């Protein structure tokens, strides 16, 4: 599957079977990103398919 990490614009590929595995594969903590699969926000337990496009949106805060 195609994986985009934003806002950095990095593009990766992955064969992870689910969101949790994808995050572990790239050493990302679930609370540090929002995961959008094919335009829909998804949770860690969602399965992933080879033809999915996944966007990992880094959570930023300021104060």
PDB file of N, CA and C in Angstrom:
ATOM      1  N   UNK A   1       0.833  -1.178   0.000  1.00  0.00           N
ATOM      2  CA  UNK A   1       0.000   0.000   0.000  1.00  0.00           C
ATOM      3  C   UNK A   1       0.875   1.237   0.000  1.00  0.00           C
ATOM      4  N   UNK A   2       0.294   2.314  -0.425  1.00  0.00           N
ATOM      5  CA  UNK A   2       0.993   3.599  -0.451  1.00  0.00           C
ATOM      6  C   UNK A   2       0.720   4.315   0.873  1.00  0.00           C
ATOM      7  N   UNK A   3       1.792   4.815   1.502  1.00  0.00           N
ATOM      8  CA  UNK A   3       1.685   5.501   2.783  1.00  0.00           C
ATOM      9  C   UNK A   3       2.320   6.878   2.657  1.00  0.00           C
ATOM     10  N   UNK A   4       1.562   7.916   2.980  1.00  0.00           N
ATOM     11  CA  UNK A   4       2.062   9.285   2.959  1.00  0.00           C
ATOM     12  C   UNK A   4       2.110   9.811   4.385  1.00  0.00           C
ATOM     13  N   UNK A   5       3.256  10.389   4.772  1.00  0.00           N
ATOM     14  CA  UNK A   5       3.379  10.994   6.094  1.00  0.00           C
ATOM     15  C   UNK A   5       3.372  12.501   5.900  1.00  0.00           C
ATOM     16  N   UNK A   6       2.398  13.146   6.510  1.00  0.00           N
ATOM     17  CA  UNK A   6       2.255  14.594   6.359  1.00  0.00           C
ATOM     18  C   UNK A   6       2.428  15.274   7.703  1.00  0.00           C
ATOM     19  N   UNK A   7       2.946  16.457   7.779  1.00  0.00           N
ATOM     20  CA  UNK A   7       3.174  17.369   6.667  1.00  0.00           C
ATOM     21  C   UNK A   7       4.530  17.207   5.996  1.00  0.00           C
ATOM     22  N   UNK A   8       5.339  16.245   6.381  1.00  0.00           N
ATOM     23  CA  UNK A   8       6.686  16.095   5.830  1.00  0.00           C
ATOM     24  C   UNK A   8       6.684  15.752   4.341  1.00  0.00           C
ATOM     25  N   UNK A   9       5.618  15.130   3.863  1.00  0.00           N
ATOM     26  CA  UNK A   9       5.545  14.765   2.461  1.00  0.00           C
ATOM     27  C   UNK A   9       6.289  13.485   2.122  1.00  0.00           C
ATOM     28  N   UNK A  10       6.684  12.717   3.146  1.00  0.00           N
ATOM     29  CA  UNK A  10       7.373  11.448   2.901  1.00  0.00           C
ATOM     30  C   UNK A  10       6.391  10.446   2.304  1.00  0.00           C
ATOM     31  N   UNK A  11       6.870   9.649   1.360  1.00  0.00           N
ATOM     32  CA  UNK A  11       6.046   8.596   0.797  1.00  0.00           C
ATOM     33  C   UNK A  11       6.744   7.264   1.018  1.00  0.00           C
ATOM     34  N   UNK A  12       6.013   6.309   1.569  1.00  0.00           N
ATOM     35  CA  UNK A  12       6.549   4.991   1.890  1.00  0.00           C
ATOM     36  C   UNK A  12       5.636   3.933   1.300  1.00  0.00           C
ATOM     37  N   UNK A  13       6.091   2.700   1.335  1.00  0.00           N
ATOM     38  CA  UNK A  13       5.201   1.590   1.006  1.00  0.00           C
ATOM     39  C   UNK A  13       5.235   0.620   2.169  1.00  0.00           C
ATOM     40  N   UNK A  14       4.170  -0.163   2.298  1.00  0.00           N
ATOM     41  CA  UNK A  14       4.080  -1.088   3.419  1.00  0.00           C
ATOM     42  C   UNK A  14       3.194  -2.266   3.045  1.00  0.00           C
ATOM     43  N   UNK A  15       3.422  -3.374   3.727  1.00  0.00           N
ATOM     44  CA  UNK A  15       2.569  -4.549   3.574  1.00  0.00           C
ATOM     45  C   UNK A  15       1.918  -4.902   4.908  1.00  0.00           C
ATOM     46  N   UNK A  16       1.836  -3.931   5.824  1.00  0.00           N
ATOM     47  CA  UNK A  16       1.262  -4.168   7.154  1.00  0.00           C
ATOM     48  C   UNK A  16      -0.204  -4.593   7.026  1.00  0.00           C
ATOM     49  N   UNK A  17      -0.627  -5.575   7.826  1.00  0.00           N
ATOM     50  CA  UNK A  17      -2.006  -6.071   7.728  1.00  0.00           C
ATOM     51  C   UNK A  17      -3.043  -5.165   8.396  1.00  0.00           C
ATOM     52  N   UNK A  18      -2.587  -4.287   9.296  1.00  0.00           N
ATOM     53  CA  UNK A  18      -3.527  -3.398   9.991  1.00  0.00           C
ATOM     54  C   UNK A  18      -2.806  -2.120  10.410  1.00  0.00           C
ATOM     55  N   UNK A  19      -3.599  -1.158  10.885  1.00  0.00           N
ATOM     56  CA  UNK A  19      -3.053   0.149  11.245  1.00  0.00           C
ATOM     57  C   UNK A  19      -2.022   0.026  12.363  1.00  0.00           C
ATOM     58  N   UNK A  20      -2.315  -0.757  13.387  1.00  0.00           N
ATOM     59  CA  UNK A  20      -1.387  -0.917  14.509  1.00  0.00           C
ATOM     60  C   UNK A  20      -0.018  -1.402  14.024  1.00  0.00           C
ATOM     61  N   UNK A  21      -0.001  -2.392  13.163  1.00  0.00           N
ATOM     62  CA  UNK A  21       1.257  -2.931  12.622  1.00  0.00           C
ATOM     63  C   UNK A  21       1.990  -1.887  11.786  1.00  0.00           C
ATOM     64  N   UNK A  22       1.239  -1.102  11.039  1.00  0.00           N
ATOM     65  CA  UNK A  22       1.845  -0.037  10.231  1.00  0.00           C
ATOM     66  C   UNK A  22       2.554   0.972  11.119  1.00  0.00           C
ATOM     67  N   UNK A  23       1.901   1.386  12.189  1.00  0.00           N
ATOM     68  CA  UNK A  23       2.507   2.352  13.102  1.00  0.00           C
ATOM     69  C   UNK A  23       3.747   1.769  13.772  1.00  0.00           C
ATOM     70  N   UNK A  24       3.681   0.516  14.197  1.00  0.00           N
ATOM     71  CA  UNK A  24       4.842  -0.136  14.811  1.00  0.00           C
ATOM     72  C   UNK A  24       5.992  -0.254  13.815  1.00  0.00           C
ATOM     73  N   UNK A  25       5.672  -0.574  12.584  1.00  0.00           N
ATOM     74  CA  UNK A  25       6.677  -0.731  11.532  1.00  0.00           C
ATOM     75  C   UNK A  25       7.501   0.544  11.341  1.00  0.00           C
ATOM     76  N   UNK A  26       6.865   1.690  11.549  1.00  0.00           N
ATOM     77  CA  UNK A  26       7.538   2.972  11.347  1.00  0.00           C
ATOM     78  C   UNK A  26       7.812   3.703  12.659  1.00  0.00           C
ATOM     79  N   UNK A  27       7.753   2.962  13.773  1.00  0.00           N
ATOM     80  CA  UNK A  27       8.058   3.492  15.111  1.00  0.00           C
ATOM     81  C   UNK A  27       7.253   4.749  15.436  1.00  0.00           C
ATOM     82  N   UNK A  28       5.963   4.710  15.127  1.00  0.00           N
ATOM     83  CA  UNK A  28       5.080   5.842  15.407  1.00  0.00           C
ATOM     84  C   UNK A  28       4.119   5.470  16.531  1.00  0.00           C
ATOM     85  N   UNK A  29       3.974   6.344  17.502  1.00  0.00           N
ATOM     86  CA  UNK A  29       3.046   6.119  18.602  1.00  0.00           C
ATOM     87  C   UNK A  29       1.648   6.502  18.124  1.00  0.00           C
ATOM     88  N   UNK A  30       0.637   5.695  18.449  1.00  0.00           N
ATOM     89  CA  UNK A  30      -0.724   5.980  17.986  1.00  0.00           C
ATOM     90  C   UNK A  30      -1.250   7.373  18.346  1.00  0.00           C
ATOM     91  N   UNK A  31      -0.783   7.936  19.453  1.00  0.00           N
ATOM     92  CA  UNK A  31      -1.276   9.259  19.829  1.00  0.00           C
ATOM     93  C   UNK A  31      -0.561  10.389  19.090  1.00  0.00           C
ATOM     94  N   UNK A  32       0.441  10.048  18.272  1.00  0.00           N
ATOM     95  CA  UNK A  32       1.197  11.086  17.568  1.00  0.00           C
ATOM     96  C   UNK A  32       0.707  11.329  16.141  1.00  0.00           C
ATOM     97  N   UNK A  33      -0.210  10.483  15.651  1.00  0.00           N
ATOM     98  CA  UNK A  33      -0.704  10.628  14.282  1.00  0.00           C
ATOM     99  C   UNK A  33      -2.199  10.336  14.191  1.00  0.00           C
ATOM    100  N   UNK A  34      -2.830  10.925  13.196  1.00  0.00           N
ATOM    101  CA  UNK A  34      -4.178  10.532  12.790  1.00  0.00           C
ATOM    102  C   UNK A  34      -3.996   9.703  11.529  1.00  0.00           C
ATOM    103  N   UNK A  35      -4.729   8.612  11.419  1.00  0.00           N
ATOM    104  CA  UNK A  35      -4.582   7.720  10.275  1.00  0.00           C
ATOM    105  C   UNK A  35      -5.825   7.820   9.395  1.00  0.00           C
ATOM    106  N   UNK A  36      -5.605   8.145   8.138  1.00  0.00           N
ATOM    107  CA  UNK A  36      -6.693   8.292   7.179  1.00  0.00           C
ATOM    108  C   UNK A  36      -6.470   7.273   6.061  1.00  0.00           C
ATOM    109  N   UNK A  37      -7.427   6.355   5.903  1.00  0.00           N
ATOM    110  CA  UNK A  37      -7.343   5.327   4.858  1.00  0.00           C
ATOM    111  C   UNK A  37      -8.381   5.638   3.786  1.00  0.00           C
ATOM    112  N   UNK A  38      -7.908   5.871   2.573  1.00  0.00           N
ATOM    113  CA  UNK A  38      -8.811   6.160   1.453  1.00  0.00           C
ATOM    114  C   UNK A  38      -9.796   7.275   1.784  1.00  0.00           C
ATOM    115  N   UNK A  39      -9.299   8.316   2.476  1.00  0.00           N
ATOM    116  CA  UNK A  39     -10.114   9.486   2.782  1.00  0.00           C
ATOM    117  C   UNK A  39     -10.971   9.396   4.028  1.00  0.00           C
ATOM    118  N   UNK A  40     -10.869   8.276   4.784  1.00  0.00           N
ATOM    119  CA  UNK A  40     -11.692   8.079   5.980  1.00  0.00           C
ATOM    120  C   UNK A  40     -10.788   7.870   7.194  1.00  0.00           C
ATOM    121  N   UNK A  41     -11.055   8.611   8.262  1.00  0.00           N
ATOM    122  CA  UNK A  41     -10.300   8.460   9.508  1.00  0.00           C
ATOM    123  C   UNK A  41     -10.555   7.070  10.080  1.00  0.00           C
ATOM    124  N   UNK A  42      -9.478   6.350  10.460  1.00  0.00           N
ATOM    125  CA  UNK A  42      -9.616   4.983  10.980  1.00  0.00           C
ATOM    126  C   UNK A  42      -8.861   4.825  12.294  1.00  0.00           C
ATOM    127  N   UNK A  43      -9.192   3.758  13.017  1.00  0.00           N
ATOM    128  CA  UNK A  43      -8.562   3.448  14.303  1.00  0.00           C
ATOM    129  C   UNK A  43      -7.485   2.382  14.115  1.00  0.00           C
ATOM    130  N   UNK A  44      -6.749   2.129  15.190  1.00  0.00           N
ATOM    131  CA  UNK A  44      -5.613   1.189  15.154  1.00  0.00           C
ATOM    132  C   UNK A  44      -5.979  -0.225  14.731  1.00  0.00           C
ATOM    133  N   UNK A  45      -7.186  -0.659  15.030  1.00  0.00           N
ATOM    134  CA  UNK A  45      -7.555  -2.054  14.772  1.00  0.00           C
ATOM    135  C   UNK A  45      -8.102  -2.292  13.359  1.00  0.00           C
ATOM    136  N   UNK A  46      -8.108  -1.262  12.523  1.00  0.00           N
ATOM    137  CA  UNK A  46      -8.629  -1.401  11.168  1.00  0.00           C
ATOM    138  C   UNK A  46      -7.674  -2.206  10.287  1.00  0.00           C
ATOM    139  N   UNK A  47      -8.199  -3.142   9.507  1.00  0.00           N
ATOM    140  CA  UNK A  47      -7.348  -3.880   8.565  1.00  0.00           C
ATOM    141  C   UNK A  47      -6.960  -2.990   7.389  1.00  0.00           C
ATOM    142  N   UNK A  48      -5.852  -3.314   6.767  1.00  0.00           N
ATOM    143  CA  UNK A  48      -5.373  -2.579   5.597  1.00  0.00           C
ATOM    144  C   UNK A  48      -5.242  -3.535   4.421  1.00  0.00           C
ATOM    145  N   UNK A  49      -5.499  -3.018   3.224  1.00  0.00           N
ATOM    146  CA  UNK A  49      -5.403  -3.817   2.007  1.00  0.00           C
ATOM    147  C   UNK A  49      -4.290  -3.271   1.115  1.00  0.00           C
ATOM    148  N   UNK A  50      -3.725  -4.109   0.253  1.00  0.00           N
ATOM    149  CA  UNK A  50      -2.605  -3.674  -0.590  1.00  0.00           C
ATOM    150  C   UNK A  50      -2.902  -2.463  -1.464  1.00  0.00           C
ATOM    151  N   UNK A  51      -4.145  -2.260  -1.876  1.00  0.00           N
ATOM    152  CA  UNK A  51      -4.455  -1.135  -2.753  1.00  0.00           C
ATOM    153  C   UNK A  51      -4.911   0.119  -1.996  1.00  0.00           C
ATOM    154  N   UNK A  52      -4.830   0.112  -0.672  1.00  0.00           N
ATOM    155  CA  UNK A  52      -5.203   1.280   0.134  1.00  0.00           C
ATOM    156  C   UNK A  52      -4.182   2.404  -0.013  1.00  0.00           C
ATOM    157  N   UNK A  53      -4.674   3.637   0.123  1.00  0.00           N
ATOM    158  CA  UNK A  53      -3.792   4.796   0.281  1.00  0.00           C
ATOM    159  C   UNK A  53      -3.992   5.282   1.706  1.00  0.00           C
ATOM    160  N   UNK A  54      -2.903   5.331   2.461  1.00  0.00           N
ATOM    161  CA  UNK A  54      -2.967   5.714   3.872  1.00  0.00           C
ATOM    162  C   UNK A  54      -2.185   7.000   4.071  1.00  0.00           C
ATOM    163  N   UNK A  55      -2.807   7.938   4.755  1.00  0.00           N
ATOM    164  CA  UNK A  55      -2.134   9.189   5.125  1.00  0.00           C
ATOM    165  C   UNK A  55      -1.967   9.205   6.642  1.00  0.00           C
ATOM    166  N   UNK A  56      -0.749   9.439   7.069  1.00  0.00           N
ATOM    167  CA  UNK A  56      -0.448   9.580   8.484  1.00  0.00           C
ATOM    168  C   UNK A  56      -0.252  11.069   8.746  1.00  0.00           C
ATOM    169  N   UNK A  57      -1.183  11.671   9.447  1.00  0.00           N
ATOM    170  CA  UNK A  57      -1.151  13.100   9.712  1.00  0.00           C
ATOM    171  C   UNK A  57      -0.578  13.319  11.109  1.00  0.00           C
ATOM    172  N   UNK A  58       0.600  13.894  11.182  1.00  0.00           N
ATOM    173  CA  UNK A  58       1.227  14.124  12.475  1.00  0.00           C
ATOM    174  C   UNK A  58       0.421  15.134  13.282  1.00  0.00           C
ATOM    175  N   UNK A  59       0.179  14.794  14.535  1.00  0.00           N
ATOM    176  CA  UNK A  59      -0.557  15.682  15.438  1.00  0.00           C
ATOM    177  C   UNK A  59       0.413  16.711  15.966  1.00  0.00           C
ATOM    178  N   UNK A  60       0.026  17.984  15.870  1.00  0.00           N
ATOM    179  CA  UNK A  60       0.871  19.072  16.370  1.00  0.00           C
ATOM    180  C   UNK A  60       0.056  19.906  17.349  1.00  0.00           C
ATOM    181  N   UNK A  61       0.732  20.390  18.347  1.00  0.00           N
ATOM    182  CA  UNK A  61       0.053  21.273  19.294  1.00  0.00           C
ATOM    183  C   UNK A  61       0.950  22.462  19.598  1.00  0.00           C
ATOM    184  N   UNK A  62       0.356  23.491  20.035  1.00  0.00           N
ATOM    185  CA  UNK A  62       1.121  24.687  20.372  1.00  0.00           C
ATOM    186  C   UNK A  62       0.484  25.368  21.569  1.00  0.00           C
ATOM    187  N   UNK A  63       1.161  26.312  22.073  1.00  0.00           N
ATOM    188  CA  UNK A  63       0.536  26.936  23.217  1.00  0.00           C
ATOM    189  C   UNK A  63       1.191  28.210  23.638  1.00  0.00           C
TER     190      UNK A  63
END
